[in-house]
Amino acid sequence: MASRLKSQPSRDPVPAAPVAPADTLSALYAQALACHQAGQFAEAIARYRRILALKPDLSEIHNNMGLALAELSRLDAAVESYRRAIELKPDNPQTLCNWGTALAQLERFDEAEAKFRRAIALDPGCAGAYNNLGLSLKERGRLAEATSAAEQAIRLAPKNPSYYEHLGAVRSFVPGDRHVAALEALADDPASLRTVERMHLHFALAKAYDDIGRPQAAFPQWLAANALKRRQIAYDEAATLGRMDRTRALFRADFVASRQGCGARSPLPVFIVGMPRSGTTLIEQILASHPEVCGAGELTLFEEAADAVREALPGAPPGPEMVAAMSRDHLRAVGARYLDKLAQRAPGAARITDKLPGNFIFTGLIHLAMPDATIIHAVRDPLDTCLSCFCVHFTKGQPHTYDLAELGRYYRHYRALMAHWRRALPAQRVMDVHYEQLVGDLEGQARRIIAHCGLAWDARCLDFHRTERPVRTASAAQVRQPIYASSVGRWRPYRDFLGPLIGELEAA
């Protein structure tokens, strides 16, 4: 995933209320903010609700409720909270900006753009509104407008490193770029920046130095950025790698053979799996350029469907072991539930892509639950893949990508699992698409992809960069360009820095 639309909890003081003592409201508000800032969003919501029960006309609390709901991915509820906040305080640019953020996450882009532009009209100095507008425009492929909005955010807040990072996601830095000089000036005074700001600064400077051909300057910046990010996140490596190992142990060829053929039948889904930064977005964009295909992006529907069925199995364990407790009817139910949710994304489409790379771990279960689903595996040179992951500041997930050794171990386990699927599943069940072959022979590989999906060839797939659709990944800008091969062998200028990664990739 690419850079995330930003919003922050309002810190406006809660007005005194005649329905309850002011100190009661103040205490609840302090508790709610403490929970919110600690990431305890459910607890924050409970306290916001108590405040609103006492005094329901506090716009700031409805705004903060929306932010907490959005953090829990309850976006429809968040939108309603923002709507109520604006009803109470119509000219609040911060709430309008937050509302736009939630609408953009729901892919209601026209509504989101209207909210951002309204916020800007109310407060032309609102840098955050320009930043969020730019991020939304980038996802829609309106790169010139996105660049302009990012530039305006920087003009209004030149000491905010995240805005430079977002600018670098929509255009390349060039030698003599004034923004590079501005970033270097910020780097000369690190004490003036908070930890998260320094992280954004390092990511932005790394991108800038990489763009202008200074790899020896770029990689230390990536090392610093990733080290700061790694300290902010929790990553249980043993559990993550163990899950892949246990999946291989469970899904033996005989286990799969004894259960296959019982799933829900439909050719609708096309799963595109693999590592992030391996070409999954490019493959989806090619497919989405076909008139019979809807590119739905990165969906979490399959894991949700499997979890819903597992909940109907008393005592069934989480993780891959749950499949052993599933009957043939349960497997069919997983597929049917997924297909029902997927079809709602694009009624009438012949195929709908699900481009969540991490679905590679569910490949065996996908095969059992939906034997007619298409599965495409994006493959790219391991060093190019891992370097590209290390260079991206993901918005969420991917906790294994911020340390070179951890990244190498993750890739090694992923590679072993994909090799296992080739042995355990029927021949040709999963089609590998190599990034290097795709950029070297676009038409040949695109025809192969379309044929694998059971569709007739359409030449519009070769003009994938002209296809207008939301793209919400780190490759949002790249897939708006014609095919290029400059990313092949990207790791070579950075060879001297990649020892920990290379060591893990080559480990037995």
Protein backbone atom coordinates (compact mmCIF):
# COMPACT_ATOMS: atom_id res chain seq x y z
CA MET A 1 0.00 0.00 0.00
CA ALA A 2 1.04 3.60 -0.61
CA SER A 3 1.13 6.70 1.57
CA ARG A 4 -1.90 7.06 3.76
CA LEU A 5 -4.31 9.99 3.88
CA LYS A 6 -3.62 11.79 7.14
CA SER A 7 -5.95 13.12 9.81
CA GLN A 8 -5.46 13.86 13.47
CA PRO A 9 -7.70 13.88 16.56
CA SER A 10 -9.04 17.31 17.34
CA ARG A 11 -7.56 18.78 20.50
CA ASP A 12 -10.13 21.55 20.83
CA PRO A 13 -11.29 21.97 24.46
CA VAL A 14 -14.71 20.60 25.34
CA PRO A 15 -17.10 23.44 26.19
CA ALA A 16 -18.78 23.47 29.58
CA ALA A 17 -22.18 21.79 29.51
CA PRO A 18 -25.22 22.52 31.63
CA VAL A 19 -26.37 18.89 31.59
CA ALA A 20 -23.36 17.69 33.55
CA PRO A 21 -20.60 19.22 35.62
CA ALA A 22 -17.81 20.62 33.45
CA ASP A 23 -15.24 18.63 35.37
CA THR A 24 -17.07 15.40 34.46
CA LEU A 25 -16.91 16.21 30.76
CA SER A 26 -13.31 17.32 31.02
CA ALA A 27 -12.34 14.11 32.79
CA LEU A 28 -14.10 11.96 30.20
CA TYR A 29 -12.50 13.95 27.39
CA ALA A 30 -9.04 13.56 28.89
CA GLN A 31 -9.61 9.81 29.24
CA ALA A 32 -10.92 9.54 25.68
CA LEU A 33 -7.95 11.41 24.22
CA ALA A 34 -5.50 9.31 26.24
CA CYS A 35 -7.08 6.12 24.90
CA HIS A 36 -7.17 7.52 21.36
CA GLN A 37 -3.53 8.54 21.39
CA ALA A 38 -2.54 5.17 22.85
CA GLY A 39 -4.27 3.36 19.99
CA GLN A 40 -7.06 2.04 22.24
CA PHE A 41 -9.74 3.09 19.82
CA ALA A 42 -12.63 0.97 21.11
CA GLU A 43 -12.09 2.38 24.60
CA ALA A 44 -11.90 5.91 23.17
CA ILE A 45 -15.18 5.40 21.32
CA ALA A 46 -16.90 4.23 24.50
CA ARG A 47 -15.84 7.43 26.27
CA TYR A 48 -16.80 9.62 23.34
CA ARG A 49 -20.25 8.03 23.46
CA ARG A 50 -20.55 8.81 27.17
CA ILE A 51 -19.68 12.44 26.50
CA LEU A 52 -22.24 12.66 23.69
CA ALA A 53 -24.89 11.08 25.92
CA LEU A 54 -24.35 14.02 28.27
CA LYS A 55 -24.03 16.69 25.60
CA PRO A 56 -24.78 15.53 22.05
CA ASP A 57 -24.02 18.81 20.28
CA LEU A 58 -20.21 18.76 20.62
CA SER A 59 -18.89 18.83 17.06
CA GLU A 60 -15.32 18.08 18.20
CA ILE A 61 -16.40 14.83 19.85
CA HIS A 62 -18.28 13.65 16.76
CA ASN A 63 -15.12 14.43 14.77
CA ASN A 64 -12.92 12.44 17.13
CA MET A 65 -15.42 9.60 17.16
CA GLY A 66 -15.10 9.49 13.38
CA LEU A 67 -11.32 9.28 13.61
CA ALA A 68 -11.47 6.40 16.09
CA LEU A 69 -14.06 4.54 14.02
CA ALA A 70 -11.91 4.98 10.92
CA GLU A 71 -8.92 3.48 12.74
CA LEU A 72 -11.04 0.38 13.34
CA SER A 73 -11.99 0.34 9.62
CA ARG A 74 -15.59 1.20 10.47
CA LEU A 75 -15.59 3.73 7.69
CA ASP A 76 -19.32 4.02 7.06
CA ALA A 77 -19.86 4.81 10.73
CA ALA A 78 -16.98 7.28 10.61
CA VAL A 79 -18.58 9.08 7.68
CA GLU A 80 -21.79 9.49 9.67
CA SER A 81 -19.86 10.89 12.65
CA TYR A 82 -18.18 13.45 10.43
CA ARG A 83 -21.52 14.31 8.84
CA ARG A 84 -22.98 15.05 12.28
CA ALA A 85 -19.90 17.08 13.26
CA ILE A 86 -20.31 19.27 10.16
CA GLU A 87 -24.02 19.70 10.81
CA LEU A 88 -23.05 21.18 14.16
CA LYS A 89 -20.10 23.22 12.86
CA PRO A 90 -20.44 23.59 9.07
CA ASP A 91 -17.30 25.61 8.48
CA ASN A 92 -14.71 23.38 10.19
CA PRO A 93 -11.99 22.63 7.60
CA GLN A 94 -10.32 20.00 9.79
CA THR A 95 -13.48 17.91 10.04
CA LEU A 96 -14.16 18.33 6.33
CA CYS A 97 -10.65 17.07 5.65
CA ASN A 98 -11.17 14.06 7.91
CA TRP A 99 -14.52 13.37 6.25
CA GLY A 100 -12.86 13.46 2.85
CA THR A 101 -10.23 11.01 4.04
CA ALA A 102 -12.85 8.45 5.07
CA LEU A 103 -14.76 8.92 1.80
CA ALA A 104 -11.56 8.38 -0.18
CA GLN A 105 -10.89 5.17 1.72
CA LEU A 106 -14.39 4.05 0.72
CA GLU A 107 -13.46 4.95 -2.89
CA ARG A 108 -16.14 7.63 -2.97
CA PHE A 109 -13.60 9.86 -4.66
CA ASP A 110 -15.84 12.57 -6.07
CA GLU A 111 -17.36 13.18 -2.65
CA ALA A 112 -13.92 13.12 -1.04
CA GLU A 113 -12.55 15.66 -3.49
CA ALA A 114 -15.50 17.96 -2.80
CA LYS A 115 -14.80 17.83 0.94
CA PHE A 116 -11.11 18.59 0.50
CA ARG A 117 -11.82 21.49 -1.84
CA ARG A 118 -14.44 22.86 0.55
CA ALA A 119 -11.88 22.71 3.36
CA ILE A 120 -9.41 24.62 1.19
CA ALA A 121 -12.03 27.23 0.30
CA LEU A 122 -12.71 27.77 3.99
CA ASP A 123 -9.02 27.85 4.90
CA PRO A 124 -6.67 28.46 1.96
CA GLY A 125 -3.76 27.99 4.33
CA CYS A 126 -4.78 24.44 5.29
CA ALA A 127 -1.75 22.47 4.15
CA GLY A 128 -3.25 19.18 5.31
CA ALA A 129 -6.23 19.59 3.01
CA TYR A 130 -3.94 20.13 0.01
CA ASN A 131 -1.90 17.09 1.05
CA ASN A 132 -4.95 14.85 1.36
CA LEU A 133 -6.37 16.14 -1.90
CA GLY A 134 -3.08 15.30 -3.61
CA LEU A 135 -3.04 11.77 -2.23
CA SER A 136 -6.60 11.17 -3.39
CA LEU A 137 -5.86 12.57 -6.86
CA LYS A 138 -2.80 10.33 -7.11
CA GLU A 139 -4.90 7.24 -6.47
CA ARG A 140 -7.20 8.31 -9.31
CA GLY A 141 -4.28 8.76 -11.70
CA ARG A 142 -4.61 12.56 -11.92
CA LEU A 143 -0.89 12.96 -11.38
CA ALA A 144 -0.42 16.53 -12.61
CA GLU A 145 -3.13 17.76 -10.26
CA ALA A 146 -1.75 15.60 -7.46
CA THR A 147 1.69 17.12 -7.97
CA SER A 148 0.25 20.63 -7.85
CA ALA A 149 -1.61 19.89 -4.61
CA ALA A 150 1.50 18.39 -3.01
CA GLU A 151 3.55 21.40 -4.05
CA GLN A 152 0.99 23.70 -2.48
CA ALA A 153 1.04 21.70 0.78
CA ILE A 154 4.82 22.10 0.88
CA ARG A 155 4.59 25.83 0.16
CA LEU A 156 2.25 26.24 3.13
CA ALA A 157 4.17 23.93 5.48
CA PRO A 158 7.77 23.71 4.20
CA LYS A 159 9.02 22.02 7.37
CA ASN A 160 6.63 19.05 7.19
CA PRO A 161 8.76 16.17 5.79
CA SER A 162 5.76 13.93 5.06
CA TYR A 163 4.60 16.33 2.35
CA TYR A 164 7.91 15.92 0.51
CA GLU A 165 7.55 12.14 0.85
CA HIS A 166 4.11 12.34 -0.73
CA LEU A 167 5.42 14.57 -3.51
CA GLY A 168 8.07 11.97 -4.27
CA ALA A 169 5.32 9.38 -4.75
CA VAL A 170 3.85 11.30 -7.71
CA ARG A 171 6.92 12.72 -9.41
CA SER A 172 10.67 12.19 -9.56
CA PHE A 173 13.14 14.57 -8.00
CA VAL A 174 15.72 15.99 -10.42
CA PRO A 175 19.25 17.39 -10.04
CA GLY A 176 19.10 20.92 -8.68
CA ASP A 177 15.58 20.34 -7.32
CA ARG A 178 14.81 22.99 -4.71
CA HIS A 179 12.92 20.40 -2.69
CA VAL A 180 16.07 18.33 -2.26
CA ALA A 181 17.83 21.39 -0.85
CA ALA A 182 14.89 21.98 1.50
CA LEU A 183 15.06 18.38 2.73
CA GLU A 184 18.80 18.67 3.30
CA ALA A 185 18.23 21.84 5.32
CA LEU A 186 15.73 19.98 7.50
CA ALA A 187 18.24 17.15 7.93
CA ASP A 188 20.79 19.66 9.21
CA ASP A 189 18.55 20.35 12.22
CA PRO A 190 17.22 16.94 13.31
CA ALA A 191 16.62 18.10 16.88
CA SER A 192 13.77 20.27 15.62
CA LEU A 193 11.86 17.22 14.36
CA ARG A 194 9.82 14.64 16.19
CA THR A 195 10.70 10.98 15.65
CA VAL A 196 7.92 10.40 13.12
CA GLU A 197 8.96 13.53 11.23
CA ARG A 198 12.55 12.32 11.05
CA MET A 199 11.29 9.02 9.65
CA HIS A 200 9.38 10.82 6.88
CA LEU A 201 12.44 13.00 6.23
CA HIS A 202 14.71 9.98 5.76
CA PHE A 203 12.25 8.26 3.42
CA ALA A 204 11.85 11.46 1.39
CA LEU A 205 15.60 12.12 1.16
CA ALA A 206 16.28 8.51 0.16
CA LYS A 207 13.77 8.77 -2.68
CA ALA A 208 15.29 12.09 -3.77
CA TYR A 209 18.87 10.79 -3.78
CA ASP A 210 17.77 7.62 -5.60
CA ASP A 211 15.99 9.70 -8.26
CA ILE A 212 19.02 11.91 -8.92
CA GLY A 213 21.43 8.97 -9.13
CA ARG A 214 23.18 9.12 -5.76
CA PRO A 215 22.81 5.55 -4.41
CA GLN A 216 25.61 5.92 -1.86
CA ALA A 217 23.70 8.81 -0.28
CA ALA A 218 20.26 7.21 -0.66
CA PHE A 219 20.75 3.93 1.14
CA PRO A 220 21.90 5.33 4.51
CA GLN A 221 18.71 7.38 4.47
CA TRP A 222 16.63 4.24 3.89
CA LEU A 223 18.48 2.48 6.68
CA ALA A 224 17.69 5.33 9.06
CA ALA A 225 14.06 5.58 7.96
CA ASN A 226 13.42 1.86 8.29
CA ALA A 227 15.15 1.67 11.67
CA LEU A 228 12.85 4.38 13.01
CA LYS A 229 9.78 2.69 11.53
CA ARG A 230 10.82 -0.72 12.88
CA ARG A 231 10.94 0.66 16.41
CA GLN A 232 7.35 1.87 16.08
CA ILE A 233 5.76 -1.44 15.09
CA ALA A 234 5.27 -4.86 16.63
CA TYR A 235 6.32 -7.80 14.49
CA ASP A 236 6.15 -11.38 15.75
CA GLU A 237 8.56 -12.97 13.32
CA ALA A 238 8.37 -16.44 14.86
CA ALA A 239 4.58 -16.50 14.55
CA THR A 240 4.62 -15.15 10.99
CA LEU A 241 7.20 -17.58 9.66
CA GLY A 242 5.76 -20.42 11.72
CA ARG A 243 2.38 -19.93 10.10
CA MET A 244 3.92 -20.44 6.66
CA ASP A 245 5.76 -23.54 7.86
CA ARG A 246 2.59 -25.00 9.40
CA THR A 247 0.67 -24.29 6.19
CA ARG A 248 3.19 -26.35 4.22
CA ALA A 249 2.98 -29.16 6.76
CA LEU A 250 -0.81 -29.31 6.64
CA PHE A 251 -1.49 -28.93 2.92
CA ARG A 252 0.22 -32.08 1.73
CA ALA A 253 -0.66 -33.32 -1.74
CA ASP A 254 -2.80 -36.13 -0.32
CA PHE A 255 -4.61 -33.69 2.01
CA VAL A 256 -5.48 -31.47 -0.96
CA ALA A 257 -6.46 -34.39 -3.22
CA SER A 258 -8.88 -35.78 -0.64
CA ARG A 259 -10.80 -32.48 -0.45
CA GLN A 260 -10.64 -30.92 -3.89
CA GLY A 261 -13.63 -30.54 -6.15
CA CYS A 262 -16.09 -29.67 -3.41
CA GLY A 263 -15.89 -25.89 -3.45
CA ALA A 264 -18.22 -23.24 -4.83
CA ARG A 265 -18.04 -23.11 -8.64
CA SER A 266 -17.49 -19.77 -10.35
CA PRO A 267 -14.84 -18.35 -12.69
CA LEU A 268 -15.47 -14.83 -11.32
CA PRO A 269 -12.43 -14.35 -9.04
CA VAL A 270 -8.89 -13.74 -10.24
CA PHE A 271 -6.40 -13.82 -7.38
CA ILE A 272 -3.07 -12.09 -7.93
CA VAL A 273 -0.66 -13.16 -5.20
CA GLY A 274 3.01 -12.83 -4.37
CA MET A 275 5.32 -10.47 -2.57
CA PRO A 276 4.57 -6.74 -2.53
CA ARG A 277 6.50 -4.84 -5.20
CA SER A 278 6.68 -7.91 -7.46
CA GLY A 279 4.43 -6.64 -10.26
CA THR A 280 1.00 -7.43 -8.81
CA THR A 281 -0.35 -3.93 -9.53
CA LEU A 282 0.90 -4.02 -13.12
CA ILE A 283 -0.75 -7.39 -13.71
CA GLU A 284 -4.02 -6.12 -12.25
CA GLN A 285 -3.88 -2.95 -14.34
CA ILE A 286 -3.43 -5.02 -17.50
CA LEU A 287 -6.40 -7.17 -16.56
CA ALA A 288 -8.53 -4.20 -15.51
CA SER A 289 -8.01 -2.73 -18.98
CA HIS A 290 -10.06 -5.62 -20.38
CA PRO A 291 -13.72 -4.59 -20.78
CA GLU A 292 -14.98 -7.71 -19.00
CA VAL A 293 -12.73 -7.33 -15.94
CA CYS A 294 -13.10 -5.22 -12.81
CA GLY A 295 -9.91 -4.46 -10.93
CA ALA A 296 -11.05 -4.47 -7.30
CA GLY A 297 -7.64 -3.90 -5.71
CA GLU A 298 -6.43 -5.35 -2.44
CA LEU A 299 -9.36 -7.05 -0.71
CA THR A 300 -9.49 -8.76 2.67
CA LEU A 301 -12.64 -10.68 1.76
CA PHE A 302 -11.13 -14.14 1.55
CA GLU A 303 -9.65 -14.24 5.04
CA GLU A 304 -12.87 -12.73 6.37
CA ALA A 305 -14.90 -15.48 4.69
CA ALA A 306 -12.67 -18.20 6.12
CA ASP A 307 -12.82 -16.68 9.61
CA ALA A 308 -16.60 -16.43 9.44
CA VAL A 309 -16.90 -20.13 8.65
CA ARG A 310 -14.34 -21.04 11.33
CA GLU A 311 -16.49 -19.27 13.93
CA ALA A 312 -19.22 -21.80 13.15
CA LEU A 313 -16.85 -24.62 14.16
CA PRO A 314 -16.68 -24.81 17.97
CA GLY A 315 -13.13 -25.42 19.11
CA ALA A 316 -11.58 -25.03 15.66
CA PRO A 317 -8.12 -23.48 15.94
CA PRO A 318 -7.09 -20.29 14.14
CA GLY A 319 -4.47 -20.36 11.42
CA PRO A 320 -4.00 -23.08 8.83
CA GLU A 321 -5.01 -25.85 11.24
CA MET A 322 -8.63 -24.69 11.00
CA VAL A 323 -8.83 -26.22 7.52
CA ALA A 324 -8.37 -29.71 8.97
CA ALA A 325 -11.58 -29.18 10.94
CA MET A 326 -13.57 -28.14 7.87
CA SER A 327 -15.87 -30.53 6.07
CA ARG A 328 -16.44 -30.36 2.35
CA ASP A 329 -19.57 -28.31 3.08
CA HIS A 330 -17.54 -25.87 5.14
CA LEU A 331 -15.04 -25.43 2.32
CA ARG A 332 -17.89 -24.77 -0.08
CA ALA A 333 -19.32 -22.24 2.38
CA VAL A 334 -16.03 -20.31 2.44
CA GLY A 335 -16.10 -20.03 -1.33
CA ALA A 336 -19.79 -19.13 -1.49
CA ARG A 337 -19.42 -16.40 1.13
CA TYR A 338 -16.43 -14.93 -0.68
CA LEU A 339 -18.13 -15.04 -4.07
CA ASP A 340 -21.22 -13.33 -2.72
CA LYS A 341 -19.19 -10.42 -1.32
CA LEU A 342 -16.97 -10.22 -4.40
CA ALA A 343 -19.87 -10.10 -6.85
CA GLN A 344 -21.23 -7.03 -5.07
CA ARG A 345 -18.09 -5.12 -6.08
CA ALA A 346 -18.97 -5.18 -9.78
CA PRO A 347 -22.30 -6.75 -10.76
CA GLY A 348 -22.12 -7.92 -14.35
CA ALA A 349 -18.33 -8.29 -14.56
CA ALA A 350 -17.08 -11.56 -16.01
CA ARG A 351 -13.97 -11.47 -13.82
CA ILE A 352 -13.00 -9.48 -10.72
CA THR A 353 -9.40 -9.27 -9.56
CA ASP A 354 -8.36 -9.55 -5.92
CA LYS A 355 -4.81 -8.24 -5.75
CA LEU A 356 -3.96 -8.74 -2.07
CA PRO A 357 -0.39 -10.10 -2.36
CA GLY A 358 -0.49 -11.83 1.03
CA ASN A 359 -3.22 -14.18 -0.17
CA PHE A 360 -0.33 -16.39 -1.29
CA ILE A 361 -0.58 -18.08 2.10
CA PHE A 362 -4.20 -19.07 1.32
CA THR A 363 -3.47 -20.49 -2.13
CA GLY A 364 -4.30 -24.04 -1.11
CA LEU A 365 -7.50 -23.03 0.65
CA ILE A 366 -8.52 -20.85 -2.31
CA HIS A 367 -8.09 -23.88 -4.57
CA LEU A 368 -10.31 -26.03 -2.33
CA ALA A 369 -12.96 -23.37 -1.69
CA MET A 370 -13.21 -22.18 -5.32
CA PRO A 371 -11.78 -24.69 -7.78
CA ASP A 372 -12.61 -22.46 -10.78
CA ALA A 373 -10.89 -19.35 -9.44
CA THR A 374 -7.89 -18.10 -11.41
CA ILE A 375 -4.67 -17.78 -9.42
CA ILE A 376 -1.76 -15.75 -10.77
CA HIS A 377 1.56 -15.56 -8.96
CA ALA A 378 3.66 -12.44 -9.58
CA VAL A 379 7.38 -13.28 -9.51
CA ARG A 380 10.28 -10.82 -9.60
CA ASP A 381 14.01 -11.08 -8.93
CA PRO A 382 14.31 -11.60 -5.13
CA LEU A 383 16.79 -8.78 -4.61
CA ASP A 384 14.79 -6.33 -6.71
CA THR A 385 11.62 -7.35 -4.87
CA CYS A 386 13.10 -7.02 -1.40
CA LEU A 387 14.93 -3.78 -2.12
CA SER A 388 11.72 -2.27 -3.49
CA CYS A 389 9.89 -3.33 -0.32
CA PHE A 390 12.62 -1.82 1.87
CA CYS A 391 12.37 1.49 0.01
CA VAL A 392 8.61 1.89 0.55
CA HIS A 393 6.92 3.36 3.59
CA PHE A 394 3.82 1.16 3.64
CA THR A 395 0.68 2.60 5.17
CA LYS A 396 -0.16 -0.54 7.10
CA GLY A 397 0.83 -4.17 7.28
CA GLN A 398 4.13 -5.46 5.89
CA PRO A 399 5.93 -5.31 9.29
CA HIS A 400 8.62 -7.65 7.95
CA THR A 401 9.90 -5.10 5.42
CA TYR A 402 11.73 -2.67 7.73
CA ASP A 403 14.80 -4.78 8.54
CA LEU A 404 16.94 -6.36 5.83
CA ALA A 405 17.55 -9.63 7.66
CA GLU A 406 13.88 -10.02 8.65
CA LEU A 407 12.88 -9.25 5.09
CA GLY A 408 15.26 -11.90 3.75
CA ARG A 409 13.92 -14.54 6.13
CA TYR A 410 10.33 -13.70 5.22
CA TYR A 411 11.10 -13.93 1.51
CA ARG A 412 12.82 -17.30 2.00
CA HIS A 413 9.74 -18.73 3.74
CA TYR A 414 7.40 -17.22 1.14
CA ARG A 415 9.51 -18.78 -1.64
CA ALA A 416 9.38 -22.18 0.06
CA LEU A 417 5.60 -21.99 0.42
CA MET A 418 5.07 -21.07 -3.23
CA ALA A 419 7.32 -23.96 -4.27
CA HIS A 420 5.20 -26.22 -2.06
CA TRP A 421 1.99 -25.10 -3.80
CA ARG A 422 3.49 -26.09 -7.15
CA ARG A 423 4.04 -29.61 -5.77
CA ALA A 424 0.82 -30.01 -3.77
CA LEU A 425 -1.73 -28.52 -6.17
CA PRO A 426 -2.70 -29.81 -9.61
CA ALA A 427 -0.28 -28.95 -12.39
CA GLN A 428 -0.79 -25.48 -13.91
CA ARG A 429 -3.19 -24.51 -11.11
CA VAL A 430 -1.13 -21.41 -10.36
CA MET A 431 0.37 -19.44 -13.23
CA ASP A 432 3.67 -17.67 -12.58
CA VAL A 433 4.10 -14.30 -14.30
CA HIS A 434 7.68 -13.06 -14.17
CA TYR A 435 8.06 -9.31 -13.99
CA GLU A 436 11.18 -9.32 -16.14
CA GLN A 437 9.40 -11.26 -18.89
CA LEU A 438 6.35 -9.02 -18.62
CA VAL A 439 8.27 -5.79 -19.18
CA GLY A 440 10.39 -7.44 -21.89
CA ASP A 441 7.45 -8.86 -23.87
CA LEU A 442 4.30 -7.02 -22.84
CA GLU A 443 2.00 -8.35 -25.55
CA GLY A 444 3.14 -11.96 -25.27
CA GLN A 445 2.77 -12.04 -21.49
CA ALA A 446 -0.47 -10.02 -21.49
CA ARG A 447 -2.01 -12.47 -23.96
CA ARG A 448 -0.90 -15.32 -21.73
CA ILE A 449 -2.50 -13.67 -18.67
CA ILE A 450 -5.79 -13.00 -20.43
CA ALA A 451 -5.95 -16.54 -21.83
CA HIS A 452 -5.27 -18.00 -18.38
CA CYS A 453 -8.34 -16.11 -17.14
CA GLY A 454 -10.46 -17.71 -19.86
CA LEU A 455 -11.11 -14.46 -21.70
CA ALA A 456 -10.80 -13.40 -25.33
CA TRP A 457 -7.88 -11.13 -26.14
CA ASP A 458 -8.49 -7.37 -26.17
CA ALA A 459 -5.79 -4.99 -27.41
CA ARG A 460 -6.79 -2.39 -24.82
CA CYS A 461 -4.80 -4.42 -22.32
CA LEU A 462 -1.63 -3.10 -23.97
CA ASP A 463 -2.69 0.47 -23.18
CA PHE A 464 -3.06 -0.30 -19.49
CA HIS A 465 -1.54 3.06 -18.52
CA ARG A 466 -4.55 4.83 -20.05
CA THR A 467 -7.09 2.90 -18.00
CA GLU A 468 -8.84 5.17 -15.52
CA ARG A 469 -9.48 3.42 -12.22
CA PRO A 470 -8.44 3.94 -8.61
CA VAL A 471 -5.09 2.38 -7.72
CA ARG A 472 -4.31 2.41 -4.03
CA THR A 473 -0.85 0.86 -3.86
CA ALA A 474 2.72 2.09 -3.90
CA SER A 475 2.68 1.59 -7.69
CA ALA A 476 -0.18 4.03 -8.27
CA ALA A 477 1.99 6.43 -10.26
CA GLN A 478 4.08 3.79 -12.07
CA VAL A 479 1.12 2.02 -13.69
CA ARG A 480 0.03 5.31 -15.26
CA GLN A 481 3.15 5.12 -17.46
CA PRO A 482 3.82 2.93 -20.51
CA ILE A 483 5.83 -0.21 -19.83
CA TYR A 484 9.44 0.37 -18.82
CA ALA A 485 12.31 -1.92 -17.84
CA SER A 486 14.44 0.46 -15.78
CA SER A 487 13.47 -1.29 -12.52
CA VAL A 488 15.04 -4.57 -13.65
CA GLY A 489 18.32 -5.02 -11.77
CA ARG A 490 17.53 -2.10 -9.49
CA TRP A 491 19.43 -3.72 -6.64
CA ARG A 492 22.84 -3.62 -8.36
CA PRO A 493 23.92 -0.07 -7.36
CA TYR A 494 23.07 -1.01 -3.77
CA ARG A 495 24.93 -4.34 -3.66
CA ASP A 496 27.37 -3.19 -0.96
CA PHE A 497 24.52 -2.37 1.45
CA LEU A 498 22.56 -5.60 1.01
CA GLY A 499 24.74 -8.08 2.90
CA PRO A 500 22.18 -8.96 5.61
CA LEU A 501 19.48 -9.49 2.98
CA ILE A 502 21.67 -11.54 0.64
CA GLY A 503 22.87 -13.67 3.54
CA GLU A 504 19.33 -14.60 4.53
CA LEU A 505 18.18 -15.23 0.97
CA GLU A 506 21.06 -17.62 0.44
CA ALA A 507 20.70 -19.42 3.78
CA ALA A 508 19.76 -23.07 3.59
